[in-house]
Amino acid sequence: MPSIGELLATYWVPILVVCAIAIVYVYVMYFNLNVGAPCTYDQQCKNGACGRATAADDAIKTCCGSGATTGYGGFDYCTQMPSRATCWSDAMCATGYCSENNGGLTKGYCAGDFAPGDDCKWNNDCGNKACGRPTAALGDDEKLICCLSGKEEYANVNMKSYCTGMKDGDVCFEDTQCAGGTCRDNSSGLARGHCTGSRKAGEACDWDSDCGGKQCGRVQQPDGNPKLVCCPDGQTQHVWGGQSWCTGMPVGARCEWDDNCANGACGRETAADGQENILTCCRSGDNVLSSLAGGSRDYCTGMTPGTVCWSDASCSSGNCRGNAYGLQRGVCD
């Protein structure tokens, strides 16, 4: 039987090859690890950084994506931890802020860059530094988000933080919480109300406070019935029965009074039968009162040829042919 020396002399080259392969294998498998691979020592990682990915109880050591570690409590932790990762110190977080860690005495969570709408606990959790309750509705008292408006304020009634910029209809305590600037029926902040004040010109309303222009008035609809809307020009005119009517209406708009129209002339554009109750802001900018057989009614002037009329003054031609001096309807020449 050959001795060990004889075997080595005969097979030294293959043995060296095998040893070399084993060394390379050990190096690759245990001392050249990629990011995220489990590790024990820094030297095992390509980037030389082996630490706990988070401060969670079940966190294991891996090759750190950041390529750096920070020590805490005798253990190594990866730096640049993502948002909401469990942490002990600010140095562990990509944002540089470990929220609710009580100065390092307890575990917290990485924060500081939460997006608008994300759940939060403190202003500093959010990138916009504004964490509050989205509404004052019952049941939402403890729900906090990074405010979409980027601003929060305390409600005097309960000293809780609420987001500003609440939309119309949202439950509120104070005017400052509402995008429209008004918290209606809130008893001066002592009770819950509803945000209003953001409605635009032409949108339906109930109160002046519903409208950005602070004016809510009636305008005639195509069916002749009035509807409360935010007035286009931000003005109203109280003209009948204590009701508020919008002013400044354009030519052709349904109207009730001269004051409704920007040109100050509201009347009937024709004397045709069945059109007695259709009044619009006159295209001519003027009207004339017919007090003969047509009754005491306002008719627009400037009627075009062929339009049914009561008086010469209604026609652009100055002649209402066949009207028998106002005793019957005629036609404008």
C-alpha atoms as a PDB file:
ATOM      1  CA  MET A   1       0.000   0.000   0.000  1.00  0.00           C
ATOM      2  CA  PRO A   2       1.400   3.444  -0.969  1.00  0.00           C
ATOM      3  CA  SER A   3       2.317   5.742   1.874  1.00  0.00           C
ATOM      4  CA  ILE A   4       0.730   9.145   2.410  1.00  0.00           C
ATOM      5  CA  GLY A   5       3.905  10.734   1.139  1.00  0.00           C
ATOM      6  CA  GLU A   6       3.757   8.704  -2.039  1.00  0.00           C
ATOM      7  CA  LEU A   7       0.104   9.621  -2.568  1.00  0.00           C
ATOM      8  CA  LEU A   8       0.836  13.296  -2.095  1.00  0.00           C
ATOM      9  CA  ALA A   9       3.772  13.079  -4.469  1.00  0.00           C
ATOM     10  CA  THR A  10       1.579  11.450  -7.073  1.00  0.00           C
ATOM     11  CA  TYR A  11      -1.667  13.496  -6.657  1.00  0.00           C
ATOM     12  CA  TRP A  12      -0.438  16.870  -5.323  1.00  0.00           C
ATOM     13  CA  VAL A  13      -1.802  18.820  -8.292  1.00  0.00           C
ATOM     14  CA  PRO A  14      -5.381  17.507  -8.047  1.00  0.00           C
ATOM     15  CA  ILE A  15      -5.282  17.976  -4.295  1.00  0.00           C
ATOM     16  CA  LEU A  16      -4.230  21.609  -4.678  1.00  0.00           C
ATOM     17  CA  VAL A  17      -7.020  22.187  -7.194  1.00  0.00           C
ATOM     18  CA  VAL A  18      -9.603  20.706  -4.864  1.00  0.00           C
ATOM     19  CA  CYS A  19      -8.321  22.814  -1.950  1.00  0.00           C
ATOM     20  CA  ALA A  20      -8.370  25.936  -4.063  1.00  0.00           C
ATOM     21  CA  ILE A  21     -11.927  25.259  -5.150  1.00  0.00           C
ATOM     22  CA  ALA A  22     -12.949  24.695  -1.518  1.00  0.00           C
ATOM     23  CA  ILE A  23     -11.341  27.980  -0.438  1.00  0.00           C
ATOM     24  CA  VAL A  24     -13.066  29.893  -3.225  1.00  0.00           C
ATOM     25  CA  TYR A  25     -16.373  28.234  -2.380  1.00  0.00           C
ATOM     26  CA  VAL A  26     -16.062  29.163   1.292  1.00  0.00           C
ATOM     27  CA  TYR A  27     -15.122  32.724   0.349  1.00  0.00           C
ATOM     28  CA  VAL A  28     -17.991  33.131  -2.092  1.00  0.00           C
ATOM     29  CA  MET A  29     -20.545  31.506   0.198  1.00  0.00           C
ATOM     30  CA  TYR A  30     -19.507  33.065   3.461  1.00  0.00           C
ATOM     31  CA  PHE A  31     -17.260  36.079   2.787  1.00  0.00           C
ATOM     32  CA  ASN A  32     -18.688  37.700  -0.372  1.00  0.00           C
ATOM     33  CA  LEU A  33     -22.387  38.014   0.441  1.00  0.00           C
ATOM     34  CA  ASN A  34     -24.797  40.301  -1.386  1.00  0.00           C
ATOM     35  CA  VAL A  35     -27.116  42.850   0.218  1.00  0.00           C
ATOM     36  CA  GLY A  36     -29.929  41.151   2.143  1.00  0.00           C
ATOM     37  CA  ALA A  37     -28.124  37.856   2.681  1.00  0.00           C
ATOM     38  CA  PRO A  38     -27.998  36.549   6.284  1.00  0.00           C
ATOM     39  CA  CYS A  39     -24.614  37.205   7.872  1.00  0.00           C
ATOM     40  CA  THR A  40     -22.732  37.140  11.156  1.00  0.00           C
ATOM     41  CA  TYR A  41     -19.738  39.443  10.601  1.00  0.00           C
ATOM     42  CA  ASP A  42     -19.103  42.574   8.553  1.00  0.00           C
ATOM     43  CA  GLN A  43     -16.325  40.764   6.688  1.00  0.00           C
ATOM     44  CA  GLN A  44     -18.817  38.351   5.174  1.00  0.00           C
ATOM     45  CA  CYS A  45     -20.562  41.099   3.211  1.00  0.00           C
ATOM     46  CA  LYS A  46     -19.333  42.594  -0.046  1.00  0.00           C
ATOM     47  CA  ASN A  47     -20.001  46.076   1.353  1.00  0.00           C
ATOM     48  CA  GLY A  48     -18.545  45.247   4.773  1.00  0.00           C
ATOM     49  CA  ALA A  49     -21.757  46.024   6.680  1.00  0.00           C
ATOM     50  CA  CYS A  50     -23.632  43.328   8.596  1.00  0.00           C
ATOM     51  CA  GLY A  51     -26.427  44.385  10.978  1.00  0.00           C
ATOM     52  CA  ARG A  52     -30.031  43.937  12.019  1.00  0.00           C
ATOM     53  CA  ALA A  53     -32.339  45.257   9.303  1.00  0.00           C
ATOM     54  CA  THR A  54     -34.755  46.658  11.931  1.00  0.00           C
ATOM     55  CA  ALA A  55     -35.037  46.762  15.706  1.00  0.00           C
ATOM     56  CA  ALA A  56     -37.921  44.286  15.696  1.00  0.00           C
ATOM     57  CA  ASP A  57     -37.544  41.376  18.114  1.00  0.00           C
ATOM     58  CA  ASP A  58     -37.354  38.805  15.306  1.00  0.00           C
ATOM     59  CA  ALA A  59     -34.955  40.775  13.092  1.00  0.00           C
ATOM     60  CA  ILE A  60     -31.871  38.859  11.924  1.00  0.00           C
ATOM     61  CA  LYS A  61     -28.537  40.213  10.771  1.00  0.00           C
ATOM     62  CA  THR A  62     -28.210  40.748   7.041  1.00  0.00           C
ATOM     63  CA  CYS A  63     -25.830  42.549   4.731  1.00  0.00           C
ATOM     64  CA  CYS A  64     -27.088  46.138   4.968  1.00  0.00           C
ATOM     65  CA  GLY A  65     -28.412  47.845   1.863  1.00  0.00           C
ATOM     66  CA  SER A  66     -27.008  51.144   3.121  1.00  0.00           C
ATOM     67  CA  GLY A  67     -23.483  49.748   3.413  1.00  0.00           C
ATOM     68  CA  ALA A  68     -23.229  51.084   6.961  1.00  0.00           C
ATOM     69  CA  THR A  69     -24.218  50.128  10.497  1.00  0.00           C
ATOM     70  CA  THR A  70     -24.769  51.924  13.780  1.00  0.00           C
ATOM     71  CA  GLY A  71     -24.342  50.412  17.222  1.00  0.00           C
ATOM     72  CA  TYR A  72     -26.992  50.433  19.915  1.00  0.00           C
ATOM     73  CA  GLY A  73     -27.222  48.448  23.130  1.00  0.00           C
ATOM     74  CA  GLY A  74     -24.284  46.268  22.148  1.00  0.00           C
ATOM     75  CA  PHE A  75     -25.793  45.288  18.791  1.00  0.00           C
ATOM     76  CA  ASP A  76     -25.192  46.432  15.220  1.00  0.00           C
ATOM     77  CA  TYR A  77     -28.124  47.818  13.216  1.00  0.00           C
ATOM     78  CA  CYS A  78     -28.306  48.797   9.587  1.00  0.00           C
ATOM     79  CA  THR A  79     -28.666  52.510   8.848  1.00  0.00           C
ATOM     80  CA  GLN A  80     -31.123  54.026   6.324  1.00  0.00           C
ATOM     81  CA  MET A  81     -34.075  51.982   7.597  1.00  0.00           C
ATOM     82  CA  PRO A  82     -37.294  52.731   5.642  1.00  0.00           C
ATOM     83  CA  SER A  83     -40.380  54.482   7.005  1.00  0.00           C
ATOM     84  CA  ARG A  84     -42.313  52.590   9.689  1.00  0.00           C
ATOM     85  CA  ALA A  85     -39.396  50.227  10.367  1.00  0.00           C
ATOM     86  CA  THR A  86     -38.902  49.519  14.094  1.00  0.00           C
ATOM     87  CA  CYS A  87     -35.965  51.555  15.418  1.00  0.00           C
ATOM     88  CA  TRP A  88     -34.124  52.602  18.571  1.00  0.00           C
ATOM     89  CA  SER A  89     -32.405  55.769  17.416  1.00  0.00           C
ATOM     90  CA  ASP A  90     -32.589  58.507  14.779  1.00  0.00           C
ATOM     91  CA  ALA A  91     -29.304  57.255  13.287  1.00  0.00           C
ATOM     92  CA  MET A  92     -31.013  54.056  12.146  1.00  0.00           C
ATOM     93  CA  CYS A  93     -33.605  55.807   9.944  1.00  0.00           C
ATOM     94  CA  ALA A  94     -33.252  57.092   6.394  1.00  0.00           C
ATOM     95  CA  THR A  95     -35.225  60.160   7.472  1.00  0.00           C
ATOM     96  CA  GLY A  96     -33.048  60.739  10.515  1.00  0.00           C
ATOM     97  CA  TYR A  97     -36.086  60.533  12.790  1.00  0.00           C
ATOM     98  CA  CYS A  98     -37.187  57.636  15.034  1.00  0.00           C
ATOM     99  CA  SER A  99     -40.648  58.576  16.322  1.00  0.00           C
ATOM    100  CA  GLU A 100     -41.936  57.574  19.789  1.00  0.00           C
ATOM    101  CA  ASN A 101     -38.601  56.111  20.947  1.00  0.00           C
ATOM    102  CA  ASN A 102     -38.607  58.189  24.152  1.00  0.00           C
ATOM    103  CA  GLY A 103     -35.076  59.362  23.579  1.00  0.00           C
ATOM    104  CA  GLY A 104     -33.879  55.821  22.897  1.00  0.00           C
ATOM    105  CA  LEU A 105     -35.442  54.212  25.972  1.00  0.00           C
ATOM    106  CA  THR A 106     -38.085  52.369  23.956  1.00  0.00           C
ATOM    107  CA  LYS A 107     -38.500  51.163  20.409  1.00  0.00           C
ATOM    108  CA  GLY A 108     -40.088  53.572  17.978  1.00  0.00           C
ATOM    109  CA  TYR A 109     -40.690  53.675  14.254  1.00  0.00           C
ATOM    110  CA  CYS A 110     -38.903  55.481  11.441  1.00  0.00           C
ATOM    111  CA  ALA A 111     -40.935  58.461  10.313  1.00  0.00           C
ATOM    112  CA  GLY A 112     -40.687  61.992   8.972  1.00  0.00           C
ATOM    113  CA  ASP A 113     -41.630  61.398   5.348  1.00  0.00           C
ATOM    114  CA  PHE A 114     -45.187  60.059   5.554  1.00  0.00           C
ATOM    115  CA  ALA A 115     -47.221  61.212   2.552  1.00  0.00           C
ATOM    116  CA  PRO A 116     -50.453  63.279   2.708  1.00  0.00           C
ATOM    117  CA  GLY A 117     -53.312  60.927   3.593  1.00  0.00           C
ATOM    118  CA  ASP A 118     -51.075  58.422   5.419  1.00  0.00           C
ATOM    119  CA  ASP A 119     -51.929  57.464   9.002  1.00  0.00           C
ATOM    120  CA  CYS A 120     -49.792  59.307  11.551  1.00  0.00           C
ATOM    121  CA  LYS A 121     -49.500  60.113  15.262  1.00  0.00           C
ATOM    122  CA  TRP A 122     -47.450  63.304  15.361  1.00  0.00           C
ATOM    123  CA  ASN A 123     -46.734  66.273  13.115  1.00  0.00           C
ATOM    124  CA  ASN A 124     -43.114  65.196  12.713  1.00  0.00           C
ATOM    125  CA  ASP A 125     -44.260  61.855  11.296  1.00  0.00           C
ATOM    126  CA  CYS A 126     -45.342  63.687   8.128  1.00  0.00           C
ATOM    127  CA  GLY A 127     -43.257  65.171   5.367  1.00  0.00           C
ATOM    128  CA  ASN A 128     -45.486  68.272   5.522  1.00  0.00           C
ATOM    129  CA  LYS A 129     -45.310  68.392   9.346  1.00  0.00           C
ATOM    130  CA  ALA A 130     -49.111  68.421   9.646  1.00  0.00           C
ATOM    131  CA  CYS A 131     -50.905  65.493  11.343  1.00  0.00           C
ATOM    132  CA  GLY A 132     -54.558  65.913  12.262  1.00  0.00           C
ATOM    133  CA  ARG A 133     -58.070  64.532  12.171  1.00  0.00           C
ATOM    134  CA  PRO A 134     -59.589  64.755   8.684  1.00  0.00           C
ATOM    135  CA  THR A 135     -63.043  65.656  10.060  1.00  0.00           C
ATOM    136  CA  ALA A 136     -64.696  66.282  13.416  1.00  0.00           C
ATOM    137  CA  ALA A 137     -67.306  63.565  12.827  1.00  0.00           C
ATOM    138  CA  LEU A 138     -68.075  61.259  15.715  1.00  0.00           C
ATOM    139  CA  GLY A 139     -65.995  58.137  15.303  1.00  0.00           C
ATOM    140  CA  ASP A 140     -63.150  60.051  13.655  1.00  0.00           C
ATOM    141  CA  ASP A 141     -61.904  61.550  16.926  1.00  0.00           C
ATOM    142  CA  GLU A 142     -58.835  59.314  17.055  1.00  0.00           C
ATOM    143  CA  LYS A 143     -58.169  58.925  13.335  1.00  0.00           C
ATOM    144  CA  LEU A 144     -55.195  61.043  12.330  1.00  0.00           C
ATOM    145  CA  ILE A 145     -53.674  61.465   8.883  1.00  0.00           C
ATOM    146  CA  CYS A 146     -50.987  63.607   7.318  1.00  0.00           C
ATOM    147  CA  CYS A 147     -53.219  66.516   6.306  1.00  0.00           C
ATOM    148  CA  LEU A 148     -53.918  66.927   2.601  1.00  0.00           C
ATOM    149  CA  SER A 149     -53.905  70.688   3.126  1.00  0.00           C
ATOM    150  CA  GLY A 150     -50.482  70.607   4.754  1.00  0.00           C
ATOM    151  CA  LYS A 151     -51.794  72.474   7.786  1.00  0.00           C
ATOM    152  CA  GLU A 152     -53.446  71.549  11.075  1.00  0.00           C
ATOM    153  CA  GLU A 153     -54.930  73.554  13.938  1.00  0.00           C
ATOM    154  CA  TYR A 154     -56.312  72.828  17.394  1.00  0.00           C
ATOM    155  CA  ALA A 155     -60.017  73.119  17.999  1.00  0.00           C
ATOM    156  CA  ASN A 156     -60.630  75.276  21.043  1.00  0.00           C
ATOM    157  CA  VAL A 157     -63.540  73.107  22.136  1.00  0.00           C
ATOM    158  CA  ASN A 158     -61.476  69.990  22.855  1.00  0.00           C
ATOM    159  CA  MET A 159     -57.831  70.928  22.126  1.00  0.00           C
ATOM    160  CA  LYS A 160     -57.484  68.200  19.524  1.00  0.00           C
ATOM    161  CA  SER A 161     -55.690  68.699  16.268  1.00  0.00           C
ATOM    162  CA  TYR A 162     -57.754  68.836  13.061  1.00  0.00           C
ATOM    163  CA  CYS A 163     -56.699  69.228   9.452  1.00  0.00           C
ATOM    164  CA  THR A 164     -57.611  72.451   7.683  1.00  0.00           C
ATOM    165  CA  GLY A 165     -59.015  72.553   4.164  1.00  0.00           C
ATOM    166  CA  MET A 166     -62.047  70.378   4.948  1.00  0.00           C
ATOM    167  CA  LYS A 167     -64.461  70.212   2.018  1.00  0.00           C
ATOM    168  CA  ASP A 168     -68.061  71.372   2.040  1.00  0.00           C
ATOM    169  CA  GLY A 169     -70.274  68.977   4.013  1.00  0.00           C
ATOM    170  CA  ASP A 170     -67.487  67.731   6.304  1.00  0.00           C
ATOM    171  CA  VAL A 171     -68.167  67.866  10.047  1.00  0.00           C
ATOM    172  CA  CYS A 172     -66.226  70.682  11.708  1.00  0.00           C
ATOM    173  CA  PHE A 173     -65.882  72.741  14.875  1.00  0.00           C
ATOM    174  CA  GLU A 174     -64.379  76.004  13.629  1.00  0.00           C
ATOM    175  CA  ASP A 175     -64.324  78.156  10.500  1.00  0.00           C
ATOM    176  CA  THR A 176     -60.544  77.778  10.163  1.00  0.00           C
ATOM    177  CA  GLN A 177     -60.939  74.042   9.535  1.00  0.00           C
ATOM    178  CA  CYS A 178     -62.970  74.562   6.347  1.00  0.00           C
ATOM    179  CA  ALA A 179     -61.656  75.253   2.856  1.00  0.00           C
ATOM    180  CA  GLY A 180     -64.663  77.527   2.311  1.00  0.00           C
ATOM    181  CA  GLY A 181     -63.982  79.445   5.524  1.00  0.00           C
ATOM    182  CA  THR A 182     -67.312  78.727   7.235  1.00  0.00           C
ATOM    183  CA  CYS A 183     -68.363  76.049   9.741  1.00  0.00           C
ATOM    184  CA  ARG A 184     -72.136  76.523   9.776  1.00  0.00           C
ATOM    185  CA  ASP A 185     -74.343  75.752  12.789  1.00  0.00           C
ATOM    186  CA  ASN A 186     -71.333  75.196  15.068  1.00  0.00           C
ATOM    187  CA  SER A 187     -72.618  77.453  17.890  1.00  0.00           C
ATOM    188  CA  SER A 188     -69.444  79.542  17.695  1.00  0.00           C
ATOM    189  CA  GLY A 189     -67.244  76.480  18.035  1.00  0.00           C
ATOM    190  CA  LEU A 190     -69.125  74.855  20.914  1.00  0.00           C
ATOM    191  CA  ALA A 191     -70.866  72.273  18.747  1.00  0.00           C
ATOM    192  CA  ARG A 192     -70.188  70.304  15.593  1.00  0.00           C
ATOM    193  CA  GLY A 193     -71.229  71.992  12.386  1.00  0.00           C
ATOM    194  CA  HIS A 194     -70.692  71.445   8.673  1.00  0.00           C
ATOM    195  CA  CYS A 195     -68.168  73.080   6.380  1.00  0.00           C
ATOM    196  CA  THR A 196     -69.505  75.369   3.703  1.00  0.00           C
ATOM    197  CA  GLY A 197     -68.453  78.408   1.690  1.00  0.00           C
ATOM    198  CA  SER A 198     -66.714  76.731  -1.258  1.00  0.00           C
ATOM    199  CA  ARG A 199     -69.612  76.659  -3.693  1.00  0.00           C
ATOM    200  CA  LYS A 200     -68.995  78.464  -6.963  1.00  0.00           C
ATOM    201  CA  ALA A 201     -71.165  80.849  -8.941  1.00  0.00           C
ATOM    202  CA  GLY A 202     -74.242  79.083 -10.314  1.00  0.00           C
ATOM    203  CA  GLU A 203     -74.091  76.187  -7.836  1.00  0.00           C
ATOM    204  CA  ALA A 204     -77.128  75.533  -5.634  1.00  0.00           C
ATOM    205  CA  CYS A 205     -77.073  77.039  -2.149  1.00  0.00           C
ATOM    206  CA  ASP A 206     -79.253  77.605   0.898  1.00  0.00           C
ATOM    207  CA  TRP A 207     -77.434  80.421   2.695  1.00  0.00           C
ATOM    208  CA  ASP A 208     -75.072  83.247   1.807  1.00  0.00           C
ATOM    209  CA  SER A 209     -72.352  81.456   3.782  1.00  0.00           C
ATOM    210  CA  ASP A 210     -72.508  78.550   1.310  1.00  0.00           C
ATOM    211  CA  CYS A 211     -71.002  80.739  -1.396  1.00  0.00           C
ATOM    212  CA  GLY A 212     -67.460  81.939  -1.796  1.00  0.00           C
ATOM    213  CA  GLY A 213     -68.889  85.335  -2.761  1.00  0.00           C
ATOM    214  CA  LYS A 214     -71.099  85.248   0.368  1.00  0.00           C
ATOM    215  CA  GLN A 215     -74.257  85.862  -1.710  1.00  0.00           C
ATOM    216  CA  CYS A 216     -77.003  83.308  -2.309  1.00  0.00           C
ATOM    217  CA  GLY A 217     -80.016  84.429  -4.318  1.00  0.00           C
ATOM    218  CA  ARG A 218     -82.812  83.311  -6.602  1.00  0.00           C
ATOM    219  CA  VAL A 219     -82.583  83.077 -10.373  1.00  0.00           C
ATOM    220  CA  GLN A 220     -85.357  82.011 -12.698  1.00  0.00           C
ATOM    221  CA  GLN A 221     -84.990  78.599 -14.325  1.00  0.00           C
ATOM    222  CA  PRO A 222     -86.114  77.670 -17.866  1.00  0.00           C
ATOM    223  CA  ASP A 223     -89.349  76.291 -16.390  1.00  0.00           C
ATOM    224  CA  GLY A 224     -90.032  79.646 -14.764  1.00  0.00           C
ATOM    225  CA  ASN A 225     -89.434  78.455 -11.229  1.00  0.00           C
ATOM    226  CA  PRO A 226     -86.811  80.232  -9.130  1.00  0.00           C
ATOM    227  CA  LYS A 227     -83.791  78.407  -7.740  1.00  0.00           C
ATOM    228  CA  LEU A 228     -81.330  79.491  -5.082  1.00  0.00           C
ATOM    229  CA  VAL A 229     -77.776  79.654  -6.432  1.00  0.00           C
ATOM    230  CA  CYS A 230     -74.522  81.390  -5.616  1.00  0.00           C
ATOM    231  CA  CYS A 231     -74.953  84.627  -7.545  1.00  0.00           C
ATOM    232  CA  PRO A 232     -72.632  85.082 -10.533  1.00  0.00           C
ATOM    233  CA  ASP A 233     -71.649  88.614  -9.614  1.00  0.00           C
ATOM    234  CA  GLY A 234     -71.586  88.126  -5.854  1.00  0.00           C
ATOM    235  CA  GLN A 235     -74.513  90.511  -5.329  1.00  0.00           C
ATOM    236  CA  THR A 236     -78.160  90.115  -4.392  1.00  0.00           C
ATOM    237  CA  GLN A 237     -81.205  92.304  -4.462  1.00  0.00           C
ATOM    238  CA  HIS A 238     -84.063  91.835  -1.980  1.00  0.00           C
ATOM    239  CA  VAL A 239     -87.092  92.821  -4.020  1.00  0.00           C
ATOM    240  CA  TRP A 240     -90.096  90.756  -3.179  1.00  0.00           C
ATOM    241  CA  GLY A 241     -91.509  89.184  -0.060  1.00  0.00           C
ATOM    242  CA  GLY A 242     -88.149  89.275   1.673  1.00  0.00           C
ATOM    243  CA  GLN A 243     -86.700  86.956  -0.965  1.00  0.00           C
ATOM    244  CA  SER A 244     -83.210  87.504  -2.286  1.00  0.00           C
ATOM    245  CA  TRP A 245     -82.730  87.638  -6.053  1.00  0.00           C
ATOM    246  CA  CYS A 246     -79.425  87.620  -7.900  1.00  0.00           C
ATOM    247  CA  THR A 247     -78.476  90.719  -9.863  1.00  0.00           C
ATOM    248  CA  GLY A 248     -76.133  91.124 -12.805  1.00  0.00           C
ATOM    249  CA  MET A 249     -77.703  88.362 -14.918  1.00  0.00           C
ATOM    250  CA  PRO A 250     -76.633  88.258 -18.586  1.00  0.00           C
ATOM    251  CA  VAL A 251     -78.760  88.885 -21.674  1.00  0.00           C
ATOM    252  CA  GLY A 252     -81.210  86.040 -22.257  1.00  0.00           C
ATOM    253  CA  ALA A 253     -81.236  84.861 -18.629  1.00  0.00           C
ATOM    254  CA  ARG A 254     -84.638  84.301 -17.053  1.00  0.00           C
ATOM    255  CA  CYS A 255     -85.518  87.177 -14.749  1.00  0.00           C
ATOM    256  CA  GLU A 256     -88.243  88.553 -12.496  1.00  0.00           C
ATOM    257  CA  TRP A 257     -87.253  92.194 -12.081  1.00  0.00           C
ATOM    258  CA  ASP A 258     -85.170  94.779 -13.897  1.00  0.00           C
ATOM    259  CA  ASP A 259     -82.687  94.645 -11.028  1.00  0.00           C
ATOM    260  CA  ASN A 260     -81.966  90.994 -11.857  1.00  0.00           C
ATOM    261  CA  CYS A 261     -80.315  92.006 -15.128  1.00  0.00           C
ATOM    262  CA  ALA A 262     -76.881  93.515 -15.654  1.00  0.00           C
ATOM    263  CA  ASN A 263     -78.392  95.905 -18.228  1.00  0.00           C
ATOM    264  CA  GLY A 264     -81.403  96.732 -15.973  1.00  0.00           C
ATOM    265  CA  ALA A 265     -84.022  95.587 -18.455  1.00  0.00           C
ATOM    266  CA  CYS A 266     -86.236  92.542 -17.821  1.00  0.00           C
ATOM    267  CA  GLY A 267     -89.140  91.893 -20.166  1.00  0.00           C
ATOM    268  CA  ARG A 268     -90.937  89.679 -22.652  1.00  0.00           C
ATOM    269  CA  GLU A 269     -89.196  89.244 -26.012  1.00  0.00           C
ATOM    270  CA  THR A 270     -92.535  88.561 -27.738  1.00  0.00           C
ATOM    271  CA  ALA A 271     -96.230  89.187 -27.197  1.00  0.00           C
ATOM    272  CA  ALA A 272     -97.162  85.814 -28.661  1.00  0.00           C
ATOM    273  CA  ASP A 273     -99.966  83.977 -26.936  1.00  0.00           C
ATOM    274  CA  GLY A 274     -98.730  81.684 -24.155  1.00  0.00           C
ATOM    275  CA  GLN A 275     -95.460  83.626 -23.677  1.00  0.00           C
ATOM    276  CA  GLU A 276     -96.813  86.065 -21.095  1.00  0.00           C
ATOM    277  CA  ASN A 277     -94.874  84.572 -18.190  1.00  0.00           C
ATOM    278  CA  ILE A 278     -91.501  84.215 -19.912  1.00  0.00           C
ATOM    279  CA  LEU A 279     -89.293  87.145 -18.946  1.00  0.00           C
ATOM    280  CA  THR A 280     -85.638  87.441 -19.879  1.00  0.00           C
ATOM    281  CA  CYS A 281     -82.936  90.073 -19.653  1.00  0.00           C
ATOM    282  CA  CYS A 282     -83.621  92.051 -22.852  1.00  0.00           C
ATOM    283  CA  ARG A 283     -81.134  91.879 -25.697  1.00  0.00           C
ATOM    284  CA  SER A 284     -81.819  95.530 -26.482  1.00  0.00           C
ATOM    285  CA  GLY A 285     -81.032  96.630 -22.919  1.00  0.00           C
ATOM    286  CA  ASP A 286     -84.388  98.413 -22.658  1.00  0.00           C
ATOM    287  CA  ASN A 287     -88.074  97.627 -22.158  1.00  0.00           C
ATOM    288  CA  VAL A 288     -91.418  99.335 -22.507  1.00  0.00           C
ATOM    289  CA  LEU A 289     -94.585  99.016 -20.439  1.00  0.00           C
ATOM    290  CA  SER A 290     -97.739  98.062 -22.316  1.00  0.00           C
ATOM    291  CA  SER A 291    -100.850  99.192 -20.461  1.00  0.00           C
ATOM    292  CA  LEU A 292    -103.453  98.661 -23.133  1.00  0.00           C
ATOM    293  CA  ALA A 293    -105.087  95.370 -24.136  1.00  0.00           C
ATOM    294  CA  GLY A 294    -101.833  93.614 -23.403  1.00  0.00           C
ATOM    295  CA  GLY A 295    -102.151  94.524 -19.741  1.00  0.00           C
ATOM    296  CA  SER A 296     -99.552  96.260 -17.624  1.00  0.00           C
ATOM    297  CA  ARG A 297     -96.580  94.197 -18.677  1.00  0.00           C
ATOM    298  CA  ASP A 298     -93.007  94.891 -19.606  1.00  0.00           C
ATOM    299  CA  TYR A 299     -91.917  94.017 -23.138  1.00  0.00           C
ATOM    300  CA  CYS A 300     -88.399  94.226 -24.476  1.00  0.00           C
ATOM    301  CA  THR A 301     -87.729  96.810 -27.156  1.00  0.00           C
ATOM    302  CA  GLY A 302     -85.896  96.083 -30.400  1.00  0.00           C
ATOM    303  CA  MET A 303     -88.176  93.212 -31.447  1.00  0.00           C
ATOM    304  CA  THR A 304     -87.212  91.914 -34.892  1.00  0.00           C
ATOM    305  CA  PRO A 305     -89.515  91.901 -37.928  1.00  0.00           C
ATOM    306  CA  GLY A 306     -92.199  89.223 -37.681  1.00  0.00           C
ATOM    307  CA  THR A 307     -92.281  89.225 -33.865  1.00  0.00           C
ATOM    308  CA  VAL A 308     -95.738  89.461 -32.268  1.00  0.00           C
ATOM    309  CA  CYS A 309     -96.135  92.856 -30.555  1.00  0.00           C
ATOM    310  CA  TRP A 310     -98.578  95.166 -28.791  1.00  0.00           C
ATOM    311  CA  SER A 311     -96.995  98.546 -29.359  1.00  0.00           C
ATOM    312  CA  ASP A 312     -94.828 100.353 -31.907  1.00  0.00           C
ATOM    313  CA  ALA A 313     -92.249 101.055 -29.183  1.00  0.00           C
ATOM    314  CA  SER A 314     -91.518  97.331 -28.874  1.00  0.00           C
ATOM    315  CA  CYS A 315     -90.347  96.991 -32.488  1.00  0.00           C
ATOM    316  CA  SER A 316     -86.919  97.842 -33.851  1.00  0.00           C
ATOM    317  CA  SER A 317     -88.720  99.303 -36.885  1.00  0.00           C
ATOM    318  CA  GLY A 318     -90.981 101.481 -34.725  1.00  0.00           C
ATOM    319  CA  ASN A 319     -94.088  99.977 -36.279  1.00  0.00           C
ATOM    320  CA  CYS A 320     -96.306  97.218 -34.864  1.00  0.00           C
ATOM    321  CA  ARG A 321     -98.454  96.580 -37.927  1.00  0.00           C
ATOM    322  CA  GLY A 322    -102.101  95.618 -37.335  1.00  0.00           C
ATOM    323  CA  ASN A 323    -102.158  96.327 -33.607  1.00  0.00           C
ATOM    324  CA  ALA A 324    -105.149  98.708 -33.866  1.00  0.00           C
ATOM    325  CA  TYR A 325    -103.340 101.303 -31.766  1.00  0.00           C
ATOM    326  CA  GLY A 326    -102.605  98.776 -29.060  1.00  0.00           C
ATOM    327  CA  LEU A 327    -106.052  97.226 -28.851  1.00  0.00           C
ATOM    328  CA  GLN A 328    -104.883  93.952 -30.342  1.00  0.00           C
ATOM    329  CA  ARG A 329    -101.691  92.114 -31.166  1.00  0.00           C
ATOM    330  CA  GLY A 330     -99.790  93.020 -34.259  1.00  0.00           C
ATOM    331  CA  VAL A 331     -96.532  92.057 -35.962  1.00  0.00           C
ATOM    332  CA  CYS A 332     -93.339  94.075 -36.106  1.00  0.00           C
ATOM    333  CA  ASP A 333     -92.481  95.294 -39.625  1.00  0.00           C
END
